[in-house]
Amino acid sequence: MNGLSPLTLAGTHTVVDADCTGRAVPGLDQMSLFVDRVPGLVFACETGADGVALVEATRAIDAERVVRSAIVQAGGVGGAVLAGFTVGDLHEHAMEGHLARALRLGRSFQAAATAPLSGLAEKLGGELLAEGRIVSITTSPADPHVNAVEIAGRSGAVHRVITRSETLAVLSDGLLVASAPTIIVVVDAVSREILEVTDLGLARHVAVLGLPAPEWWNARADRLARVVPSAYGLEDLDVA
């Protein structure tokens, strides 16, 4: 929804194909403009009952905590607008071509919807990381938002998918095979439905695909540090 929302203004505004995350991230402070510390950013958002909050986000964490609190107060869903930057800033501090890539992926996904899973992954420009049946889902005692989804692979391998509000890492037989910022996608192996974290349930037959992350995240160490699993408190899951 966040990625598509600018298109609702396409009838009256020029839409620039630049995105500030390029992948699923839970925190507003993880948006690329904040990660690169672009000055002068301002957030406006709903607070419910026709209320509006305006936040001068000098500190990225203010945007995350204050704006999120305002949206929670508005009932959990609301509009938010980030301003104070130029198109030139986006050229340097955002991921260009995000909507075009999404369109290509969508068309490729539809074209290969009935292909073998390995062929589907190849068509998307990624790789098949795991396939099998979900046999257990365990919540981390340290963080109730973190789950370990265990998948019994067809070849006898044991896969473990680590999730928060997005999928952060995949391990096979205890070895790390992929982690954020790689875009990790879980699909129903039968219907090919793209699954949210909340859709992962016991006995479901799933496939886990890994797609390359936007190069923006890997271009600098300080950017990468904001999106790898250790940024969420999950140690030993960062790809070296």
C-alpha atoms as a PDB file:
ATOM      1  CA  MET A   1       0.000   0.000   0.000  1.00  0.00           C
ATOM      2  CA  ASN A   2       2.787   2.423   0.876  1.00  0.00           C
ATOM      3  CA  GLY A   3       4.492   1.798  -2.444  1.00  0.00           C
ATOM      4  CA  LEU A   4       1.308   2.267  -4.485  1.00  0.00           C
ATOM      5  CA  SER A   5      -0.187   5.242  -2.627  1.00  0.00           C
ATOM      6  CA  PRO A   6       1.601   7.926  -4.750  1.00  0.00           C
ATOM      7  CA  LEU A   7      -0.284   6.638  -7.802  1.00  0.00           C
ATOM      8  CA  THR A   8      -3.559   7.853  -6.253  1.00  0.00           C
ATOM      9  CA  LEU A   9      -2.313  11.394  -7.016  1.00  0.00           C
ATOM     10  CA  ALA A  10      -1.265  10.674 -10.602  1.00  0.00           C
ATOM     11  CA  GLY A  11      -4.267  12.529 -12.009  1.00  0.00           C
ATOM     12  CA  THR A  12      -3.168  15.839 -10.519  1.00  0.00           C
ATOM     13  CA  HIS A  13       0.546  15.462  -9.758  1.00  0.00           C
ATOM     14  CA  THR A  14       3.704  14.274 -11.473  1.00  0.00           C
ATOM     15  CA  VAL A  15       4.760  10.921 -10.044  1.00  0.00           C
ATOM     16  CA  VAL A  16       8.515  10.383  -9.700  1.00  0.00           C
ATOM     17  CA  ASP A  17       9.566   6.729  -9.829  1.00  0.00           C
ATOM     18  CA  ALA A  18      11.664   6.779  -6.676  1.00  0.00           C
ATOM     19  CA  ASP A  19      11.072   4.868  -3.456  1.00  0.00           C
ATOM     20  CA  CYS A  20      12.494   5.444   0.011  1.00  0.00           C
ATOM     21  CA  THR A  21      12.714   1.815   1.153  1.00  0.00           C
ATOM     22  CA  GLY A  22      12.746  -0.536  -1.850  1.00  0.00           C
ATOM     23  CA  ARG A  23      11.726  -3.407   0.427  1.00  0.00           C
ATOM     24  CA  ALA A  24       9.596  -4.030   3.517  1.00  0.00           C
ATOM     25  CA  VAL A  25      10.820  -2.102   6.558  1.00  0.00           C
ATOM     26  CA  PRO A  26       8.755  -1.565   9.720  1.00  0.00           C
ATOM     27  CA  GLY A  27      10.125   1.796  10.873  1.00  0.00           C
ATOM     28  CA  LEU A  28       9.621   5.240   9.349  1.00  0.00           C
ATOM     29  CA  ASP A  29      13.127   6.084  10.560  1.00  0.00           C
ATOM     30  CA  GLN A  30      14.430   3.437   8.123  1.00  0.00           C
ATOM     31  CA  MET A  31      13.309   5.451   5.104  1.00  0.00           C
ATOM     32  CA  SER A  32      16.293   6.333   2.932  1.00  0.00           C
ATOM     33  CA  LEU A  33      15.911  10.098   3.414  1.00  0.00           C
ATOM     34  CA  PHE A  34      16.277   9.598   7.163  1.00  0.00           C
ATOM     35  CA  VAL A  35      19.052   7.025   6.829  1.00  0.00           C
ATOM     36  CA  ASP A  36      21.066   9.550   4.786  1.00  0.00           C
ATOM     37  CA  ARG A  37      20.106  12.374   7.185  1.00  0.00           C
ATOM     38  CA  VAL A  38      18.586  14.717   4.611  1.00  0.00           C
ATOM     39  CA  PRO A  39      17.847  17.983   6.495  1.00  0.00           C
ATOM     40  CA  GLY A  40      14.501  19.781   6.698  1.00  0.00           C
ATOM     41  CA  LEU A  41      12.143  16.790   6.586  1.00  0.00           C
ATOM     42  CA  VAL A  42       8.573  17.324   7.813  1.00  0.00           C
ATOM     43  CA  PHE A  43       5.815  14.753   8.418  1.00  0.00           C
ATOM     44  CA  ALA A  44       2.085  15.483   8.442  1.00  0.00           C
ATOM     45  CA  CYS A  45      -0.391  12.813   9.501  1.00  0.00           C
ATOM     46  CA  GLU A  46      -3.898  12.188  10.732  1.00  0.00           C
ATOM     47  CA  THR A  47      -4.695  11.899  14.428  1.00  0.00           C
ATOM     48  CA  GLY A  48      -8.392  11.026  14.100  1.00  0.00           C
ATOM     49  CA  ALA A  49     -11.590  13.110  14.268  1.00  0.00           C
ATOM     50  CA  ASP A  50     -10.242  15.525  11.623  1.00  0.00           C
ATOM     51  CA  GLY A  51      -7.091  16.139  13.652  1.00  0.00           C
ATOM     52  CA  VAL A  52      -3.694  16.634  12.006  1.00  0.00           C
ATOM     53  CA  ALA A  53      -0.191  16.423  13.466  1.00  0.00           C
ATOM     54  CA  LEU A  54       2.837  18.174  11.973  1.00  0.00           C
ATOM     55  CA  VAL A  55       6.234  16.826  12.991  1.00  0.00           C
ATOM     56  CA  GLU A  56       9.536  18.496  12.132  1.00  0.00           C
ATOM     57  CA  ALA A  57      11.594  15.340  11.975  1.00  0.00           C
ATOM     58  CA  THR A  58      15.073  16.594  12.810  1.00  0.00           C
ATOM     59  CA  ARG A  59      15.602  13.274  14.586  1.00  0.00           C
ATOM     60  CA  ALA A  60      14.519  10.226  12.594  1.00  0.00           C
ATOM     61  CA  ILE A  61      13.271   8.477  15.724  1.00  0.00           C
ATOM     62  CA  ASP A  62      10.791  11.332  16.283  1.00  0.00           C
ATOM     63  CA  ALA A  63       9.159  10.561  12.949  1.00  0.00           C
ATOM     64  CA  GLU A  64       8.853   6.906  13.872  1.00  0.00           C
ATOM     65  CA  ARG A  65       7.542   7.326  17.417  1.00  0.00           C
ATOM     66  CA  VAL A  66       5.409  10.468  17.121  1.00  0.00           C
ATOM     67  CA  VAL A  67       3.841   9.763  13.728  1.00  0.00           C
ATOM     68  CA  ARG A  68       3.172   6.136  14.611  1.00  0.00           C
ATOM     69  CA  SER A  69       1.557   7.175  17.895  1.00  0.00           C
ATOM     70  CA  ALA A  70      -0.628   9.680  16.032  1.00  0.00           C
ATOM     71  CA  ILE A  71      -1.793   7.031  13.568  1.00  0.00           C
ATOM     72  CA  VAL A  72      -2.516   4.604  16.412  1.00  0.00           C
ATOM     73  CA  GLN A  73      -4.581   7.357  18.021  1.00  0.00           C
ATOM     74  CA  ALA A  74      -6.432   7.761  14.704  1.00  0.00           C
ATOM     75  CA  GLY A  75      -7.477   4.109  14.903  1.00  0.00           C
ATOM     76  CA  GLY A  76      -4.469   2.314  13.471  1.00  0.00           C
ATOM     77  CA  VAL A  77      -4.875   3.407   9.846  1.00  0.00           C
ATOM     78  CA  GLY A  78      -4.260   6.874   8.458  1.00  0.00           C
ATOM     79  CA  GLY A  79      -2.615   8.971   5.821  1.00  0.00           C
ATOM     80  CA  ALA A  80       0.866  10.418   6.274  1.00  0.00           C
ATOM     81  CA  VAL A  81       2.795  12.791   4.019  1.00  0.00           C
ATOM     82  CA  LEU A  82       6.562  13.301   4.117  1.00  0.00           C
ATOM     83  CA  ALA A  83       7.828  16.612   2.722  1.00  0.00           C
ATOM     84  CA  GLY A  84      10.813  18.962   2.858  1.00  0.00           C
ATOM     85  CA  PHE A  85      12.932  17.297   0.163  1.00  0.00           C
ATOM     86  CA  THR A  86      13.444  17.892  -3.566  1.00  0.00           C
ATOM     87  CA  VAL A  87      13.413  15.637  -6.596  1.00  0.00           C
ATOM     88  CA  GLY A  88      17.180  16.180  -6.637  1.00  0.00           C
ATOM     89  CA  ASP A  89      17.343  14.727  -3.132  1.00  0.00           C
ATOM     90  CA  LEU A  90      15.519  11.641  -4.399  1.00  0.00           C
ATOM     91  CA  HIS A  91      18.078  11.187  -7.163  1.00  0.00           C
ATOM     92  CA  GLU A  92      20.783  10.857  -4.526  1.00  0.00           C
ATOM     93  CA  HIS A  93      18.915   9.418  -1.553  1.00  0.00           C
ATOM     94  CA  ALA A  94      16.184   7.143  -2.941  1.00  0.00           C
ATOM     95  CA  MET A  95      15.827   3.998  -5.028  1.00  0.00           C
ATOM     96  CA  GLU A  96      15.001   4.928  -8.618  1.00  0.00           C
ATOM     97  CA  GLY A  97      12.861   2.720 -10.835  1.00  0.00           C
ATOM     98  CA  HIS A  98      11.070   0.980  -7.976  1.00  0.00           C
ATOM     99  CA  LEU A  99       7.608   1.095  -9.585  1.00  0.00           C
ATOM    100  CA  ALA A 100       9.024  -0.061 -12.925  1.00  0.00           C
ATOM    101  CA  ARG A 101      10.695  -3.006 -11.187  1.00  0.00           C
ATOM    102  CA  ALA A 102       7.461  -3.865  -9.381  1.00  0.00           C
ATOM    103  CA  LEU A 103       5.610  -3.852 -12.701  1.00  0.00           C
ATOM    104  CA  ARG A 104       8.212  -6.136 -14.294  1.00  0.00           C
ATOM    105  CA  LEU A 105       8.052  -8.512 -11.324  1.00  0.00           C
ATOM    106  CA  GLY A 106       4.266  -8.598 -11.428  1.00  0.00           C
ATOM    107  CA  ARG A 107       4.184  -9.400 -15.125  1.00  0.00           C
ATOM    108  CA  SER A 108       6.880 -12.054 -14.722  1.00  0.00           C
ATOM    109  CA  PHE A 109       5.035 -13.576 -11.760  1.00  0.00           C
ATOM    110  CA  GLN A 110       1.831 -13.864 -13.771  1.00  0.00           C
ATOM    111  CA  ALA A 111       3.631 -15.285 -16.795  1.00  0.00           C
ATOM    112  CA  ALA A 112       5.337 -17.987 -14.707  1.00  0.00           C
ATOM    113  CA  ALA A 113       2.502 -18.649 -12.247  1.00  0.00           C
ATOM    114  CA  THR A 114       2.155 -22.297 -13.313  1.00  0.00           C
ATOM    115  CA  ALA A 115       5.866 -22.964 -13.885  1.00  0.00           C
ATOM    116  CA  PRO A 116       7.906 -25.143 -11.508  1.00  0.00           C
ATOM    117  CA  LEU A 117       8.966 -23.201  -8.430  1.00  0.00           C
ATOM    118  CA  SER A 118      12.592 -23.087  -9.517  1.00  0.00           C
ATOM    119  CA  GLY A 119      11.469 -21.685 -12.866  1.00  0.00           C
ATOM    120  CA  LEU A 120       9.297 -19.094 -11.143  1.00  0.00           C
ATOM    121  CA  ALA A 121      12.242 -17.928  -9.054  1.00  0.00           C
ATOM    122  CA  GLU A 122      14.470 -17.714 -12.120  1.00  0.00           C
ATOM    123  CA  LYS A 123      11.824 -15.755 -14.025  1.00  0.00           C
ATOM    124  CA  LEU A 124      11.747 -13.238 -11.173  1.00  0.00           C
ATOM    125  CA  GLY A 125      15.529 -12.900 -11.190  1.00  0.00           C
ATOM    126  CA  GLY A 126      15.886 -14.628  -7.838  1.00  0.00           C
ATOM    127  CA  GLU A 127      16.459 -18.072  -6.402  1.00  0.00           C
ATOM    128  CA  LEU A 128      14.455 -20.775  -4.657  1.00  0.00           C
ATOM    129  CA  LEU A 129      15.700 -20.862  -1.049  1.00  0.00           C
ATOM    130  CA  ALA A 130      13.407 -23.466   0.492  1.00  0.00           C
ATOM    131  CA  GLU A 131      10.325 -25.551  -0.169  1.00  0.00           C
ATOM    132  CA  GLY A 132       8.307 -27.769   2.119  1.00  0.00           C
ATOM    133  CA  ARG A 133       5.595 -28.019   4.763  1.00  0.00           C
ATOM    134  CA  ILE A 134       5.407 -25.784   7.830  1.00  0.00           C
ATOM    135  CA  VAL A 135       5.707 -28.036  10.884  1.00  0.00           C
ATOM    136  CA  SER A 136       6.125 -25.523  13.716  1.00  0.00           C
ATOM    137  CA  ILE A 137       6.020 -21.819  14.540  1.00  0.00           C
ATOM    138  CA  THR A 138       7.918 -20.668  17.627  1.00  0.00           C
ATOM    139  CA  THR A 139       7.803 -17.194  19.146  1.00  0.00           C
ATOM    140  CA  SER A 140      11.053 -15.768  20.480  1.00  0.00           C
ATOM    141  CA  PRO A 141      11.053 -15.414  24.286  1.00  0.00           C
ATOM    142  CA  ALA A 142      13.113 -12.223  23.905  1.00  0.00           C
ATOM    143  CA  ASP A 143      10.797 -10.526  21.380  1.00  0.00           C
ATOM    144  CA  PRO A 144       7.118 -11.531  20.955  1.00  0.00           C
ATOM    145  CA  HIS A 145       7.145 -10.024  17.456  1.00  0.00           C
ATOM    146  CA  VAL A 146       9.809 -12.483  16.222  1.00  0.00           C
ATOM    147  CA  ASN A 147       8.833 -15.968  15.033  1.00  0.00           C
ATOM    148  CA  ALA A 148      10.839 -18.926  13.782  1.00  0.00           C
ATOM    149  CA  VAL A 149       8.861 -20.846  11.156  1.00  0.00           C
ATOM    150  CA  GLU A 150      10.209 -24.375  10.684  1.00  0.00           C
ATOM    151  CA  ILE A 151       9.748 -25.996   7.290  1.00  0.00           C
ATOM    152  CA  ALA A 152      10.291 -29.700   6.603  1.00  0.00           C
ATOM    153  CA  GLY A 153      11.921 -29.781   3.181  1.00  0.00           C
ATOM    154  CA  ARG A 154      11.162 -32.383   0.554  1.00  0.00           C
ATOM    155  CA  SER A 155      14.740 -33.663   0.522  1.00  0.00           C
ATOM    156  CA  GLY A 156      14.832 -34.010   4.317  1.00  0.00           C
ATOM    157  CA  ALA A 157      16.392 -30.618   4.938  1.00  0.00           C
ATOM    158  CA  VAL A 158      15.140 -28.521   7.837  1.00  0.00           C
ATOM    159  CA  HIS A 159      14.546 -24.881   6.903  1.00  0.00           C
ATOM    160  CA  ARG A 160      13.882 -22.088   9.360  1.00  0.00           C
ATOM    161  CA  VAL A 161      12.374 -18.766   8.320  1.00  0.00           C
ATOM    162  CA  ILE A 162      12.818 -15.898  10.783  1.00  0.00           C
ATOM    163  CA  THR A 163      10.050 -13.317  10.647  1.00  0.00           C
ATOM    164  CA  ARG A 164       9.025 -10.108  12.299  1.00  0.00           C
ATOM    165  CA  SER A 165       6.447  -7.990  10.462  1.00  0.00           C
ATOM    166  CA  GLU A 166       8.495  -8.998   7.405  1.00  0.00           C
ATOM    167  CA  THR A 167      10.699 -11.988   6.602  1.00  0.00           C
ATOM    168  CA  LEU A 168      14.252 -11.322   7.753  1.00  0.00           C
ATOM    169  CA  ALA A 169      16.298 -14.508   7.299  1.00  0.00           C
ATOM    170  CA  VAL A 170      16.310 -18.100   6.062  1.00  0.00           C
ATOM    171  CA  LEU A 171      18.441 -20.951   7.402  1.00  0.00           C
ATOM    172  CA  SER A 172      18.780 -24.468   5.976  1.00  0.00           C
ATOM    173  CA  ASP A 173      20.075 -27.189   8.302  1.00  0.00           C
ATOM    174  CA  GLY A 174      21.376 -24.449  10.582  1.00  0.00           C
ATOM    175  CA  LEU A 175      23.282 -22.594   7.855  1.00  0.00           C
ATOM    176  CA  LEU A 176      22.292 -19.033   6.959  1.00  0.00           C
ATOM    177  CA  VAL A 177      21.340 -18.868   3.258  1.00  0.00           C
ATOM    178  CA  ALA A 178      19.750 -15.405   3.029  1.00  0.00           C
ATOM    179  CA  SER A 179      18.896 -12.409   5.181  1.00  0.00           C
ATOM    180  CA  ALA A 180      17.770  -8.803   4.876  1.00  0.00           C
ATOM    181  CA  PRO A 181      18.197  -6.667   2.862  1.00  0.00           C
ATOM    182  CA  THR A 182      17.604  -9.569   0.429  1.00  0.00           C
ATOM    183  CA  ILE A 183      13.887  -9.499  -0.377  1.00  0.00           C
ATOM    184  CA  ILE A 184      12.581 -12.801   1.020  1.00  0.00           C
ATOM    185  CA  VAL A 185       9.165 -13.793  -0.311  1.00  0.00           C
ATOM    186  CA  VAL A 186       7.035 -16.719   0.871  1.00  0.00           C
ATOM    187  CA  VAL A 187       4.423 -18.128  -1.512  1.00  0.00           C
ATOM    188  CA  ASP A 188       1.921 -20.944  -1.230  1.00  0.00           C
ATOM    189  CA  ALA A 189       3.561 -23.746  -3.217  1.00  0.00           C
ATOM    190  CA  VAL A 190       0.203 -24.928  -4.575  1.00  0.00           C
ATOM    191  CA  SER A 191      -1.850 -21.781  -5.238  1.00  0.00           C
ATOM    192  CA  ARG A 192       1.190 -19.456  -5.655  1.00  0.00           C
ATOM    193  CA  GLU A 193      -0.506 -16.940  -3.369  1.00  0.00           C
ATOM    194  CA  ILE A 194       2.003 -14.422  -1.999  1.00  0.00           C
ATOM    195  CA  LEU A 195       1.887 -14.802   1.786  1.00  0.00           C
ATOM    196  CA  GLU A 196       2.157 -12.201   4.512  1.00  0.00           C
ATOM    197  CA  VAL A 197       3.848 -13.219   7.762  1.00  0.00           C
ATOM    198  CA  THR A 198       0.417 -13.586   9.359  1.00  0.00           C
ATOM    199  CA  ASP A 199      -0.605 -16.063   6.629  1.00  0.00           C
ATOM    200  CA  LEU A 200       2.047 -18.612   7.618  1.00  0.00           C
ATOM    201  CA  GLY A 201       0.266 -21.488   9.331  1.00  0.00           C
ATOM    202  CA  LEU A 202       0.919 -25.090  10.291  1.00  0.00           C
ATOM    203  CA  ALA A 203       0.799 -27.748   7.557  1.00  0.00           C
ATOM    204  CA  ARG A 204       0.867 -25.159   4.782  1.00  0.00           C
ATOM    205  CA  HIS A 205       3.097 -26.129   1.852  1.00  0.00           C
ATOM    206  CA  VAL A 206       5.223 -23.111   1.010  1.00  0.00           C
ATOM    207  CA  ALA A 207       8.154 -21.991  -1.098  1.00  0.00           C
ATOM    208  CA  VAL A 208      10.628 -19.307  -0.050  1.00  0.00           C
ATOM    209  CA  LEU A 209      12.150 -17.123  -2.743  1.00  0.00           C
ATOM    210  CA  GLY A 210      15.036 -14.659  -2.473  1.00  0.00           C
ATOM    211  CA  LEU A 211      15.125 -11.576  -4.707  1.00  0.00           C
ATOM    212  CA  PRO A 212      18.060  -9.140  -4.929  1.00  0.00           C
ATOM    213  CA  ALA A 213      17.721  -6.051  -2.757  1.00  0.00           C
ATOM    214  CA  PRO A 214      18.047  -2.580  -4.269  1.00  0.00           C
ATOM    215  CA  GLU A 215      21.757  -1.820  -4.557  1.00  0.00           C
ATOM    216  CA  TRP A 216      21.164   1.377  -2.560  1.00  0.00           C
ATOM    217  CA  TRP A 217      21.165  -0.595   0.691  1.00  0.00           C
ATOM    218  CA  ASN A 218      24.448  -2.363  -0.086  1.00  0.00           C
ATOM    219  CA  ALA A 219      26.262   0.726  -1.370  1.00  0.00           C
ATOM    220  CA  ARG A 220      27.387   1.922   2.078  1.00  0.00           C
ATOM    221  CA  ALA A 221      27.972   0.215   5.398  1.00  0.00           C
ATOM    222  CA  ASP A 222      25.932   2.787   7.359  1.00  0.00           C
ATOM    223  CA  ARG A 223      22.907   2.139   5.146  1.00  0.00           C
ATOM    224  CA  LEU A 224      23.250  -1.627   5.380  1.00  0.00           C
ATOM    225  CA  ALA A 225      23.478  -1.456   9.167  1.00  0.00           C
ATOM    226  CA  ARG A 226      19.944  -0.027   9.336  1.00  0.00           C
ATOM    227  CA  VAL A 227      18.255  -2.954   7.592  1.00  0.00           C
ATOM    228  CA  VAL A 228      20.149  -6.162   8.421  1.00  0.00           C
ATOM    229  CA  PRO A 229      18.657  -8.510  11.071  1.00  0.00           C
ATOM    230  CA  SER A 230      20.989  -7.203  13.799  1.00  0.00           C
ATOM    231  CA  ALA A 231      19.245  -3.829  13.440  1.00  0.00           C
ATOM    232  CA  TYR A 232      16.191  -5.597  14.884  1.00  0.00           C
ATOM    233  CA  GLY A 233      18.150  -7.178  17.729  1.00  0.00           C
ATOM    234  CA  LEU A 234      18.609 -10.493  15.913  1.00  0.00           C
ATOM    235  CA  GLU A 235      22.269 -11.363  16.221  1.00  0.00           C
ATOM    236  CA  ASP A 236      24.217 -13.860  14.071  1.00  0.00           C
ATOM    237  CA  LEU A 237      21.799 -13.543  11.128  1.00  0.00           C
ATOM    238  CA  ASP A 238      23.633 -10.912   9.073  1.00  0.00           C
ATOM    239  CA  VAL A 239      25.175 -12.191   5.848  1.00  0.00           C
ATOM    240  CA  ALA A 240      28.914 -11.541   6.006  1.00  0.00           C
END
